[in-house]
């Protein structure tokens, strides 16, 4: 079996992998594209010999025109833009929420060499809520999912989740199947007398 994240059990089945909405990385992509075209312009300007810097020869009291290394600067900026673009896409792709048959896993990539993984047992889920704030999130269909837990960490927050209401419904379905397969008290579960087959409340 292919392991999606470190610590995944052999018996644990990955149900869904959710990547952040493209808007989470859009500002960095926009900067990279802007720098790329600036670099192209500088390369063209250097090749066309547009920019020159006047210099003065104090011995002969004459003035000459010195060519600036505009093309080299442009190439450097293009390289920087490509680096920013590839790094942003890599970090965006590594940031994901993994829903398994037993856990909710938050993989948070912070920079190239900094990754944090938080695992939440389904048995500790108490409440799942969705927040879609502002016109941008409403129009482009992304939001924030918050999970209230029974553990020390009271809240798990996942931002830039695409189609958050559909993701919540999928999480609820996984949780209900988990409860049906393991109908036992303890481990942070609360069994309601009116519904013994459910261990926690999800709204």
N, C-alpha and C. Protein backbone atom coordinates (compact mmCIF):
# COMPACT_ATOMS: atom_id res chain seq x y z
N UNK A 1 0.83 -1.20 0.00
CA UNK A 1 0.00 0.00 0.00
C UNK A 1 0.87 1.25 0.00
N UNK A 2 0.47 2.24 -0.78
CA UNK A 2 1.20 3.50 -0.86
C UNK A 2 0.85 4.38 0.32
N UNK A 3 1.88 4.85 1.02
CA UNK A 3 1.67 5.71 2.18
C UNK A 3 1.66 7.16 1.73
N UNK A 4 0.59 7.88 2.07
CA UNK A 4 0.44 9.27 1.68
C UNK A 4 1.17 10.20 2.64
N UNK A 5 1.23 9.82 3.92
CA UNK A 5 1.85 10.69 4.92
C UNK A 5 2.61 9.82 5.92
N UNK A 6 3.64 10.36 6.58
CA UNK A 6 4.39 9.60 7.58
C UNK A 6 3.50 9.20 8.74
N UNK A 7 3.65 7.97 9.21
CA UNK A 7 2.87 7.49 10.33
C UNK A 7 1.57 6.81 9.94
N UNK A 8 1.29 6.73 8.66
CA UNK A 8 0.05 6.08 8.22
C UNK A 8 0.12 4.58 8.46
N UNK A 9 -0.92 4.03 9.12
CA UNK A 9 -0.97 2.61 9.38
C UNK A 9 -1.25 1.83 8.10
N UNK A 10 -0.79 0.58 8.09
CA UNK A 10 -1.01 -0.26 6.91
C UNK A 10 -2.50 -0.54 6.69
N UNK A 11 -3.26 -0.56 7.77
CA UNK A 11 -4.69 -0.84 7.66
C UNK A 11 -5.52 0.42 7.42
N UNK A 12 -4.87 1.56 7.44
CA UNK A 12 -5.57 2.84 7.29
C UNK A 12 -5.77 3.16 5.81
N UNK A 13 -7.00 3.39 5.42
CA UNK A 13 -7.36 3.62 4.02
C UNK A 13 -7.58 5.11 3.78
N UNK A 14 -6.87 5.67 2.81
CA UNK A 14 -7.04 7.08 2.46
C UNK A 14 -8.32 7.23 1.66
N UNK A 15 -9.23 8.06 2.15
CA UNK A 15 -10.51 8.28 1.49
C UNK A 15 -10.46 9.44 0.50
N UNK A 16 -9.71 10.47 0.87
CA UNK A 16 -9.66 11.65 0.00
C UNK A 16 -8.49 12.53 0.39
N UNK A 17 -7.86 13.13 -0.61
CA UNK A 17 -6.79 14.11 -0.39
C UNK A 17 -7.27 15.45 -0.92
N UNK A 18 -7.26 16.46 -0.06
CA UNK A 18 -7.79 17.78 -0.41
C UNK A 18 -6.65 18.80 -0.41
N UNK A 19 -6.42 19.41 -1.56
CA UNK A 19 -5.41 20.45 -1.68
C UNK A 19 -6.05 21.82 -1.52
N UNK A 20 -5.25 22.79 -1.12
CA UNK A 20 -5.77 24.13 -0.93
C UNK A 20 -6.18 24.76 -2.27
N UNK A 21 -7.10 25.69 -2.17
CA UNK A 21 -7.55 26.41 -3.35
C UNK A 21 -6.38 27.18 -3.96
N UNK A 22 -6.43 27.34 -5.28
CA UNK A 22 -5.34 28.00 -5.98
C UNK A 22 -5.15 29.45 -5.51
N UNK A 23 -6.19 30.04 -4.91
CA UNK A 23 -6.05 31.41 -4.42
C UNK A 23 -5.04 31.51 -3.28
N UNK A 24 -4.74 30.42 -2.62
CA UNK A 24 -3.75 30.46 -1.54
C UNK A 24 -2.35 30.75 -2.05
N UNK A 25 -2.09 30.45 -3.31
CA UNK A 25 -0.76 30.65 -3.88
C UNK A 25 -0.77 31.72 -4.97
N UNK A 26 -1.93 32.26 -5.29
CA UNK A 26 -2.05 33.21 -6.40
C UNK A 26 -1.18 34.45 -6.25
N UNK A 27 -1.06 35.08 -5.05
CA UNK A 27 -0.20 36.26 -4.95
C UNK A 27 1.26 35.99 -5.33
N UNK A 28 1.78 34.83 -4.93
CA UNK A 28 3.17 34.51 -5.26
C UNK A 28 3.33 34.23 -6.76
N UNK A 29 2.34 33.58 -7.35
CA UNK A 29 2.38 33.32 -8.79
C UNK A 29 2.32 34.65 -9.55
N UNK A 30 1.49 35.57 -9.09
CA UNK A 30 1.38 36.89 -9.74
C UNK A 30 2.71 37.64 -9.68
N UNK A 31 3.38 37.59 -8.53
CA UNK A 31 4.69 38.24 -8.40
C UNK A 31 5.70 37.60 -9.33
N UNK A 32 5.69 36.27 -9.41
CA UNK A 32 6.62 35.56 -10.29
C UNK A 32 6.40 35.93 -11.75
N UNK A 33 5.14 36.01 -12.17
CA UNK A 33 4.84 36.38 -13.56
C UNK A 33 5.27 37.81 -13.84
N UNK A 34 5.01 38.72 -12.88
CA UNK A 34 5.42 40.11 -13.05
C UNK A 34 6.94 40.22 -13.20
N UNK A 35 7.68 39.56 -12.33
CA UNK A 35 9.14 39.60 -12.42
C UNK A 35 9.65 38.98 -13.72
N UNK A 36 8.95 37.94 -14.19
CA UNK A 36 9.37 37.29 -15.44
C UNK A 36 9.30 38.27 -16.60
N UNK A 37 8.21 39.03 -16.70
CA UNK A 37 8.08 39.99 -17.80
C UNK A 37 9.02 41.18 -17.63
N UNK A 38 9.27 41.57 -16.38
CA UNK A 38 10.28 42.62 -16.15
C UNK A 38 11.64 42.14 -16.63
N UNK A 39 11.97 40.89 -16.32
CA UNK A 39 13.25 40.34 -16.78
C UNK A 39 13.33 40.27 -18.30
N UNK A 40 12.23 39.87 -18.95
CA UNK A 40 12.22 39.84 -20.41
C UNK A 40 12.45 41.23 -21.01
N UNK A 41 11.82 42.22 -20.39
CA UNK A 41 12.01 43.60 -20.88
C UNK A 41 13.46 44.04 -20.74
N UNK A 42 14.06 43.71 -19.60
CA UNK A 42 15.46 44.10 -19.38
C UNK A 42 16.40 43.39 -20.34
N UNK A 43 16.11 42.12 -20.62
CA UNK A 43 16.93 41.40 -21.60
C UNK A 43 16.81 42.05 -22.97
N UNK A 44 15.59 42.40 -23.35
CA UNK A 44 15.39 43.09 -24.64
C UNK A 44 16.09 44.44 -24.64
N UNK A 45 15.95 45.19 -23.53
CA UNK A 45 16.58 46.51 -23.46
C UNK A 45 18.09 46.39 -23.53
N UNK A 46 18.64 45.35 -22.89
CA UNK A 46 20.08 45.17 -22.96
C UNK A 46 20.55 44.79 -24.35
N UNK A 47 19.76 43.92 -25.03
CA UNK A 47 20.14 43.52 -26.38
C UNK A 47 20.01 44.68 -27.37
N UNK A 48 19.00 45.54 -27.13
CA UNK A 48 18.79 46.68 -28.02
C UNK A 48 19.65 47.87 -27.65
N UNK A 49 20.41 47.74 -26.56
CA UNK A 49 21.32 48.79 -26.12
C UNK A 49 20.58 50.11 -25.86
N UNK A 50 19.47 49.98 -25.10
CA UNK A 50 18.64 51.17 -24.82
C UNK A 50 19.24 52.03 -23.71
N UNK A 51 19.68 51.37 -22.65
CA UNK A 51 20.15 52.12 -21.49
C UNK A 51 21.68 52.22 -21.50
N UNK A 52 22.18 53.41 -21.36
CA UNK A 52 23.63 53.66 -21.23
C UNK A 52 23.87 54.67 -20.13
N UNK A 53 24.99 54.57 -19.46
CA UNK A 53 25.34 55.45 -18.35
C UNK A 53 26.50 56.35 -18.76
N UNK A 54 26.30 57.66 -18.72
CA UNK A 54 27.39 58.56 -19.09
C UNK A 54 28.49 58.56 -18.03
N UNK A 55 29.74 58.53 -18.48
CA UNK A 55 30.90 58.59 -17.57
C UNK A 55 31.82 59.71 -18.03
N UNK A 56 32.62 60.20 -17.10
CA UNK A 56 33.52 61.33 -17.39
C UNK A 56 34.97 60.91 -17.22
N UNK A 57 35.76 61.18 -18.22
CA UNK A 57 37.20 60.93 -18.16
C UNK A 57 37.86 62.22 -17.67
N UNK A 58 38.28 62.21 -16.38
CA UNK A 58 38.81 63.44 -15.78
C UNK A 58 40.16 63.83 -16.35
N UNK A 59 40.92 62.90 -16.87
CA UNK A 59 42.23 63.24 -17.42
C UNK A 59 42.10 64.04 -18.70
N UNK A 60 41.19 63.60 -19.54
CA UNK A 60 41.02 64.32 -20.81
C UNK A 60 39.80 65.22 -20.80
N UNK A 61 39.12 65.25 -19.63
CA UNK A 61 37.93 66.08 -19.49
C UNK A 61 36.89 65.77 -20.58
N UNK A 62 36.78 64.52 -20.90
CA UNK A 62 35.82 64.11 -21.91
C UNK A 62 34.73 63.26 -21.28
N UNK A 63 33.65 63.09 -21.98
CA UNK A 63 32.51 62.29 -21.52
C UNK A 63 32.27 61.15 -22.49
N UNK A 64 32.11 59.94 -21.97
CA UNK A 64 31.81 58.77 -22.80
C UNK A 64 30.56 58.08 -22.25
N UNK A 65 30.04 57.16 -23.01
CA UNK A 65 28.83 56.44 -22.64
C UNK A 65 29.20 54.99 -22.34
N UNK A 66 28.87 54.55 -21.12
CA UNK A 66 29.18 53.19 -20.71
C UNK A 66 27.91 52.32 -20.77
N UNK A 67 28.02 51.18 -21.38
CA UNK A 67 26.88 50.27 -21.52
C UNK A 67 26.63 49.54 -20.20
N UNK A 68 25.38 49.53 -19.75
CA UNK A 68 25.00 48.86 -18.51
C UNK A 68 24.71 47.38 -18.77
N UNK A 69 24.98 46.52 -17.78
CA UNK A 69 24.72 45.08 -17.95
C UNK A 69 23.23 44.76 -17.74
N UNK A 70 22.37 45.43 -18.51
CA UNK A 70 20.94 45.28 -18.34
C UNK A 70 20.49 43.85 -18.64
N UNK A 71 21.05 43.28 -19.69
CA UNK A 71 20.65 41.93 -20.09
C UNK A 71 20.97 40.91 -19.00
N UNK A 72 22.11 41.06 -18.36
CA UNK A 72 22.50 40.13 -17.29
C UNK A 72 21.56 40.26 -16.09
N UNK A 73 21.21 41.52 -15.79
CA UNK A 73 20.26 41.74 -14.69
C UNK A 73 18.91 41.10 -15.04
N UNK A 74 18.48 41.27 -16.28
CA UNK A 74 17.23 40.68 -16.72
C UNK A 74 17.22 39.17 -16.62
N UNK A 75 18.31 38.55 -16.99
CA UNK A 75 18.41 37.09 -16.89
C UNK A 75 18.33 36.65 -15.43
N UNK A 76 18.99 37.42 -14.55
CA UNK A 76 18.92 37.10 -13.12
C UNK A 76 17.50 37.21 -12.58
N UNK A 77 16.77 38.24 -13.02
CA UNK A 77 15.39 38.42 -12.56
C UNK A 77 14.50 37.30 -13.10
N UNK A 78 14.73 36.88 -14.32
CA UNK A 78 13.96 35.77 -14.88
C UNK A 78 14.21 34.49 -14.08
N UNK A 79 15.47 34.25 -13.74
CA UNK A 79 15.79 33.08 -12.91
C UNK A 79 15.11 33.15 -11.56
N UNK A 80 15.09 34.35 -10.97
CA UNK A 80 14.44 34.52 -9.68
C UNK A 80 12.93 34.27 -9.79
N UNK A 81 12.31 34.75 -10.86
CA UNK A 81 10.87 34.55 -11.05
C UNK A 81 10.54 33.07 -11.20
N UNK A 82 11.37 32.33 -11.93
CA UNK A 82 11.13 30.89 -12.09
C UNK A 82 11.28 30.17 -10.75
N UNK A 83 12.27 30.58 -9.96
CA UNK A 83 12.46 29.98 -8.64
C UNK A 83 11.24 30.23 -7.74
N UNK A 84 10.75 31.48 -7.73
CA UNK A 84 9.58 31.81 -6.92
C UNK A 84 8.37 31.00 -7.37
N UNK A 85 8.18 30.88 -8.68
CA UNK A 85 7.04 30.14 -9.21
C UNK A 85 7.10 28.67 -8.82
N UNK A 86 8.24 28.03 -9.04
CA UNK A 86 8.37 26.61 -8.74
C UNK A 86 8.26 26.35 -7.24
N UNK A 87 8.87 27.23 -6.44
CA UNK A 87 8.79 27.06 -4.98
C UNK A 87 7.35 27.22 -4.50
N UNK A 88 6.65 28.21 -5.03
CA UNK A 88 5.26 28.43 -4.62
C UNK A 88 4.38 27.25 -4.98
N UNK A 89 4.55 26.72 -6.19
CA UNK A 89 3.75 25.58 -6.62
C UNK A 89 4.07 24.34 -5.79
N UNK A 90 5.35 24.18 -5.44
CA UNK A 90 5.74 23.03 -4.61
C UNK A 90 5.10 23.11 -3.23
N UNK A 91 5.20 24.29 -2.60
CA UNK A 91 4.61 24.46 -1.27
C UNK A 91 3.09 24.29 -1.33
N UNK A 92 2.47 24.84 -2.37
CA UNK A 92 1.02 24.70 -2.52
C UNK A 92 0.62 23.23 -2.65
N UNK A 93 1.38 22.48 -3.41
CA UNK A 93 1.03 21.07 -3.63
C UNK A 93 1.26 20.22 -2.40
N UNK A 94 2.21 20.61 -1.56
CA UNK A 94 2.51 19.84 -0.36
C UNK A 94 1.54 20.16 0.78
N UNK A 95 0.86 21.30 0.72
CA UNK A 95 -0.15 21.63 1.74
C UNK A 95 -1.44 20.89 1.40
N UNK A 96 -1.86 20.00 2.27
CA UNK A 96 -3.05 19.21 1.96
C UNK A 96 -3.67 18.65 3.24
N UNK A 97 -4.94 18.31 3.11
CA UNK A 97 -5.67 17.64 4.18
C UNK A 97 -6.02 16.25 3.68
N UNK A 98 -5.64 15.25 4.47
CA UNK A 98 -5.86 13.85 4.10
C UNK A 98 -6.94 13.27 5.00
N UNK A 99 -8.00 12.77 4.39
CA UNK A 99 -9.07 12.11 5.12
C UNK A 99 -8.92 10.61 4.96
N UNK A 100 -8.76 9.92 6.08
CA UNK A 100 -8.61 8.48 6.05
C UNK A 100 -9.77 7.82 6.79
N UNK A 101 -9.72 6.51 6.84
CA UNK A 101 -10.76 5.77 7.54
C UNK A 101 -10.66 5.91 9.05
N UNK A 102 -9.56 6.50 9.55
CA UNK A 102 -9.35 6.61 10.98
C UNK A 102 -8.99 8.02 11.44
N UNK A 103 -8.42 8.83 10.56
CA UNK A 103 -7.86 10.12 10.98
C UNK A 103 -8.18 11.23 9.99
N UNK A 104 -8.05 12.44 10.48
CA UNK A 104 -7.96 13.63 9.64
C UNK A 104 -6.54 14.17 9.81
N UNK A 105 -5.82 14.27 8.72
CA UNK A 105 -4.40 14.63 8.77
C UNK A 105 -4.20 15.97 8.08
N UNK A 106 -3.58 16.91 8.79
CA UNK A 106 -3.26 18.23 8.25
C UNK A 106 -1.76 18.29 7.98
N UNK A 107 -1.39 18.35 6.71
CA UNK A 107 0.02 18.47 6.31
C UNK A 107 0.26 19.92 5.92
N UNK A 108 1.03 20.62 6.72
CA UNK A 108 1.27 22.05 6.55
C UNK A 108 2.72 22.28 6.16
N UNK A 109 2.94 22.63 4.90
CA UNK A 109 4.28 22.91 4.39
C UNK A 109 4.57 24.39 4.54
N UNK A 110 5.52 24.73 5.41
CA UNK A 110 5.89 26.12 5.64
C UNK A 110 7.31 26.34 5.15
N UNK A 111 7.42 26.76 3.92
CA UNK A 111 8.74 26.88 3.31
C UNK A 111 9.17 25.57 2.70
N UNK A 112 10.36 25.58 2.12
CA UNK A 112 10.85 24.39 1.41
C UNK A 112 11.23 23.28 2.37
N UNK A 113 11.82 23.62 3.51
CA UNK A 113 12.36 22.60 4.41
C UNK A 113 11.61 22.51 5.74
N UNK A 114 10.45 23.10 5.83
CA UNK A 114 9.71 23.10 7.09
C UNK A 114 8.31 22.53 6.86
N UNK A 115 8.05 21.36 7.43
CA UNK A 115 6.76 20.71 7.27
C UNK A 115 6.25 20.26 8.64
N UNK A 116 4.98 20.54 8.89
CA UNK A 116 4.33 20.11 10.13
C UNK A 116 3.13 19.24 9.80
N UNK A 117 2.99 18.13 10.53
CA UNK A 117 1.90 17.19 10.31
C UNK A 117 1.13 17.02 11.61
N UNK A 118 -0.16 17.30 11.55
CA UNK A 118 -1.04 17.13 12.72
C UNK A 118 -2.09 16.08 12.38
N UNK A 119 -2.27 15.11 13.29
CA UNK A 119 -3.21 14.02 13.07
C UNK A 119 -4.32 14.08 14.11
N UNK A 120 -5.54 14.01 13.63
CA UNK A 120 -6.70 14.04 14.51
C UNK A 120 -7.49 12.75 14.34
N UNK A 121 -7.64 12.00 15.43
CA UNK A 121 -8.43 10.78 15.39
C UNK A 121 -9.91 11.11 15.21
N UNK A 122 -10.58 10.35 14.37
CA UNK A 122 -12.01 10.58 14.15
C UNK A 122 -12.80 10.42 15.44
N UNK A 123 -12.29 9.60 16.35
CA UNK A 123 -12.99 9.38 17.61
C UNK A 123 -13.00 10.62 18.50
N UNK A 124 -12.18 11.63 18.18
CA UNK A 124 -12.11 12.82 19.00
C UNK A 124 -12.85 14.00 18.39
N UNK A 125 -13.48 13.78 17.25
CA UNK A 125 -14.22 14.85 16.59
C UNK A 125 -15.52 15.11 17.34
N UNK A 126 -15.77 16.36 17.66
CA UNK A 126 -17.02 16.75 18.31
C UNK A 126 -17.89 17.61 17.42
N UNK A 127 -17.28 18.47 16.62
CA UNK A 127 -18.08 19.38 15.81
C UNK A 127 -17.28 19.79 14.58
N UNK A 128 -17.97 19.93 13.44
CA UNK A 128 -17.36 20.39 12.20
C UNK A 128 -18.16 21.60 11.71
N UNK A 129 -17.47 22.71 11.45
CA UNK A 129 -18.15 23.91 10.98
C UNK A 129 -17.43 24.48 9.77
N UNK A 130 -18.18 25.21 8.96
CA UNK A 130 -17.66 25.81 7.73
C UNK A 130 -17.85 27.32 7.80
N UNK A 131 -16.83 28.06 7.37
CA UNK A 131 -16.91 29.51 7.31
C UNK A 131 -16.52 29.97 5.90
N UNK A 132 -17.45 30.64 5.23
CA UNK A 132 -17.18 31.25 3.92
C UNK A 132 -17.42 32.74 4.08
N UNK A 133 -16.33 33.51 4.13
CA UNK A 133 -16.42 34.94 4.46
C UNK A 133 -16.00 35.78 3.26
N UNK A 134 -16.82 36.75 2.94
CA UNK A 134 -16.46 37.71 1.91
C UNK A 134 -16.87 37.28 0.51
N UNK A 135 -16.90 38.26 -0.41
CA UNK A 135 -17.32 37.95 -1.79
C UNK A 135 -16.34 37.05 -2.54
N UNK A 136 -15.04 37.17 -2.28
CA UNK A 136 -14.07 36.36 -2.99
C UNK A 136 -14.27 34.88 -2.69
N UNK A 137 -14.42 34.54 -1.42
CA UNK A 137 -14.62 33.15 -1.05
C UNK A 137 -15.95 32.62 -1.58
N UNK A 138 -16.97 33.48 -1.57
CA UNK A 138 -18.28 33.07 -2.06
C UNK A 138 -18.27 32.84 -3.56
N UNK A 139 -17.66 33.76 -4.32
CA UNK A 139 -17.66 33.67 -5.78
C UNK A 139 -16.80 32.50 -6.26
N UNK A 140 -15.62 32.35 -5.66
CA UNK A 140 -14.68 31.35 -6.15
C UNK A 140 -14.76 30.03 -5.38
N UNK A 141 -15.67 29.93 -4.43
CA UNK A 141 -16.00 28.65 -3.83
C UNK A 141 -14.92 28.04 -2.95
N UNK A 142 -14.43 28.79 -1.99
CA UNK A 142 -13.52 28.23 -1.00
C UNK A 142 -13.80 28.85 0.36
N UNK A 143 -13.31 28.20 1.40
CA UNK A 143 -13.57 28.69 2.75
C UNK A 143 -12.71 27.98 3.77
N UNK A 144 -13.13 28.06 5.02
CA UNK A 144 -12.38 27.51 6.13
C UNK A 144 -13.23 26.46 6.84
N UNK A 145 -12.61 25.32 7.13
CA UNK A 145 -13.26 24.26 7.90
C UNK A 145 -12.60 24.18 9.27
N UNK A 146 -13.41 24.24 10.31
CA UNK A 146 -12.93 24.15 11.69
C UNK A 146 -13.50 22.89 12.32
N UNK A 147 -12.64 22.16 13.03
CA UNK A 147 -13.05 20.92 13.69
C UNK A 147 -12.82 21.07 15.19
N UNK A 148 -13.89 21.00 15.93
CA UNK A 148 -13.81 21.03 17.39
C UNK A 148 -13.49 19.62 17.88
N UNK A 149 -12.51 19.53 18.75
CA UNK A 149 -12.06 18.21 19.22
C UNK A 149 -12.26 18.07 20.72
N UNK A 150 -12.08 16.82 21.16
CA UNK A 150 -12.19 16.52 22.59
C UNK A 150 -10.83 16.46 23.25
N UNK A 151 -9.77 16.76 22.50
CA UNK A 151 -8.43 16.65 23.05
C UNK A 151 -7.92 17.97 23.60
N UNK A 152 -6.61 18.03 23.80
CA UNK A 152 -5.98 19.23 24.35
C UNK A 152 -6.05 20.38 23.35
N UNK A 153 -5.86 20.06 22.07
CA UNK A 153 -5.98 21.09 21.05
C UNK A 153 -7.45 21.20 20.68
N UNK A 154 -8.07 22.28 21.05
CA UNK A 154 -9.52 22.38 20.96
C UNK A 154 -10.02 22.56 19.53
N UNK A 155 -9.19 23.10 18.64
CA UNK A 155 -9.69 23.43 17.32
C UNK A 155 -8.64 23.13 16.25
N UNK A 156 -9.08 22.40 15.22
CA UNK A 156 -8.28 22.18 14.02
C UNK A 156 -8.86 23.07 12.93
N UNK A 157 -8.02 23.88 12.28
CA UNK A 157 -8.50 24.83 11.27
C UNK A 157 -7.80 24.54 9.95
N UNK A 158 -8.60 24.42 8.89
CA UNK A 158 -8.10 24.21 7.54
C UNK A 158 -8.62 25.36 6.67
N UNK A 159 -7.72 26.19 6.18
CA UNK A 159 -8.15 27.32 5.36
C UNK A 159 -7.97 27.03 3.88
N UNK A 160 -8.55 27.90 3.05
CA UNK A 160 -8.50 27.78 1.60
C UNK A 160 -8.97 26.40 1.12
N UNK A 161 -10.01 25.88 1.73
CA UNK A 161 -10.55 24.58 1.33
C UNK A 161 -11.52 24.78 0.17
N UNK A 162 -11.29 24.16 -0.99
CA UNK A 162 -12.24 24.29 -2.10
C UNK A 162 -13.51 23.50 -1.81
N UNK A 163 -14.65 24.07 -2.21
CA UNK A 163 -15.95 23.45 -2.00
C UNK A 163 -16.09 22.96 -0.55
N UNK A 164 -16.01 23.87 0.42
CA UNK A 164 -15.96 23.46 1.83
C UNK A 164 -17.20 22.72 2.30
N UNK A 165 -18.38 23.06 1.77
CA UNK A 165 -19.60 22.39 2.22
C UNK A 165 -19.61 20.92 1.75
N UNK A 166 -19.15 20.69 0.53
CA UNK A 166 -19.06 19.31 0.04
C UNK A 166 -18.02 18.53 0.83
N UNK A 167 -16.90 19.18 1.17
CA UNK A 167 -15.87 18.51 1.97
C UNK A 167 -16.41 18.17 3.36
N UNK A 168 -17.17 19.09 3.95
CA UNK A 168 -17.75 18.81 5.27
C UNK A 168 -18.69 17.62 5.20
N UNK A 169 -19.53 17.58 4.17
CA UNK A 169 -20.46 16.45 4.02
C UNK A 169 -19.70 15.14 3.87
N UNK A 170 -18.60 15.16 3.15
CA UNK A 170 -17.78 13.96 2.99
C UNK A 170 -17.16 13.55 4.32
N UNK A 171 -16.70 14.53 5.10
CA UNK A 171 -16.11 14.24 6.41
C UNK A 171 -17.15 13.65 7.35
N UNK A 172 -18.36 14.19 7.30
CA UNK A 172 -19.43 13.66 8.15
C UNK A 172 -19.72 12.21 7.78
N UNK A 173 -19.73 11.91 6.49
CA UNK A 173 -20.00 10.55 6.03
C UNK A 173 -18.91 9.59 6.52
N UNK A 174 -17.65 10.03 6.45
CA UNK A 174 -16.55 9.19 6.95
C UNK A 174 -16.69 8.98 8.45
N UNK A 175 -17.03 10.04 9.16
CA UNK A 175 -17.17 9.95 10.61
C UNK A 175 -18.29 8.97 10.99
N UNK A 176 -19.41 9.03 10.29
CA UNK A 176 -20.52 8.14 10.60
C UNK A 176 -20.15 6.68 10.34
N UNK A 177 -19.42 6.44 9.26
CA UNK A 177 -18.98 5.07 8.98
C UNK A 177 -18.00 4.59 10.06
N UNK A 178 -17.14 5.50 10.52
CA UNK A 178 -16.20 5.14 11.57
C UNK A 178 -16.93 4.77 12.85
N UNK A 179 -17.95 5.54 13.19
CA UNK A 179 -18.73 5.28 14.39
C UNK A 179 -19.48 3.95 14.29
N UNK A 180 -20.00 3.66 13.11
CA UNK A 180 -20.72 2.41 12.92
C UNK A 180 -19.80 1.20 13.07
N UNK A 181 -18.55 1.34 12.62
CA UNK A 181 -17.60 0.23 12.70
C UNK A 181 -17.03 0.06 14.10
N UNK A 182 -16.95 1.18 14.85
CA UNK A 182 -16.40 1.11 16.21
C UNK A 182 -17.40 1.75 17.16
N UNK A 183 -18.50 1.11 17.47
CA UNK A 183 -19.52 1.68 18.36
C UNK A 183 -19.19 1.48 19.82
N UNK A 184 -18.21 2.21 20.30
CA UNK A 184 -17.81 2.05 21.69
C UNK A 184 -17.59 3.41 22.33
N UNK A 185 -17.76 3.46 23.64
CA UNK A 185 -17.52 4.69 24.37
C UNK A 185 -16.04 4.84 24.68
N UNK A 186 -15.71 6.01 25.18
CA UNK A 186 -14.32 6.26 25.53
C UNK A 186 -13.57 6.94 24.40
N UNK A 187 -12.32 7.21 24.64
CA UNK A 187 -11.44 7.85 23.67
C UNK A 187 -12.02 9.18 23.18
N UNK A 188 -12.68 9.89 24.10
CA UNK A 188 -13.20 11.20 23.74
C UNK A 188 -14.57 11.17 23.13
N UNK A 189 -15.23 9.99 23.03
CA UNK A 189 -16.54 9.91 22.43
C UNK A 189 -17.64 10.14 23.45
N UNK A 190 -18.75 10.68 22.99
CA UNK A 190 -19.90 10.87 23.84
C UNK A 190 -21.10 10.19 23.18
N UNK A 191 -21.65 9.19 23.85
CA UNK A 191 -22.77 8.45 23.30
C UNK A 191 -24.07 9.05 23.81
N UNK A 192 -24.96 9.38 22.90
CA UNK A 192 -26.24 9.94 23.28
C UNK A 192 -27.24 8.82 23.50
N UNK A 193 -28.05 8.95 24.53
CA UNK A 193 -29.00 7.91 24.88
C UNK A 193 -30.06 7.75 23.79
N UNK A 194 -30.42 8.81 23.12
CA UNK A 194 -31.44 8.73 22.09
C UNK A 194 -30.93 8.12 20.80
N UNK A 195 -29.62 8.07 20.63
CA UNK A 195 -29.03 7.54 19.40
C UNK A 195 -27.76 6.80 19.76
N UNK A 196 -27.85 5.54 20.17
CA UNK A 196 -26.66 4.83 20.64
C UNK A 196 -25.65 4.52 19.58
N UNK A 197 -26.03 4.63 18.30
CA UNK A 197 -25.10 4.30 17.23
C UNK A 197 -24.21 5.47 16.86
N UNK A 198 -24.47 6.65 17.46
CA UNK A 198 -23.64 7.81 17.18
C UNK A 198 -22.83 8.12 18.42
N UNK A 199 -21.56 8.51 18.21
CA UNK A 199 -20.69 8.78 19.34
C UNK A 199 -20.38 10.25 19.55
N UNK A 200 -20.76 11.06 18.60
CA UNK A 200 -20.44 12.48 18.73
C UNK A 200 -21.44 13.27 17.95
N UNK A 201 -21.48 14.53 18.23
CA UNK A 201 -22.43 15.43 17.58
C UNK A 201 -21.71 16.23 16.53
N UNK A 202 -22.28 16.23 15.32
CA UNK A 202 -21.71 17.02 14.21
C UNK A 202 -22.81 17.91 13.69
N UNK A 203 -22.54 19.18 13.61
CA UNK A 203 -23.53 20.13 13.08
C UNK A 203 -22.92 20.91 11.93
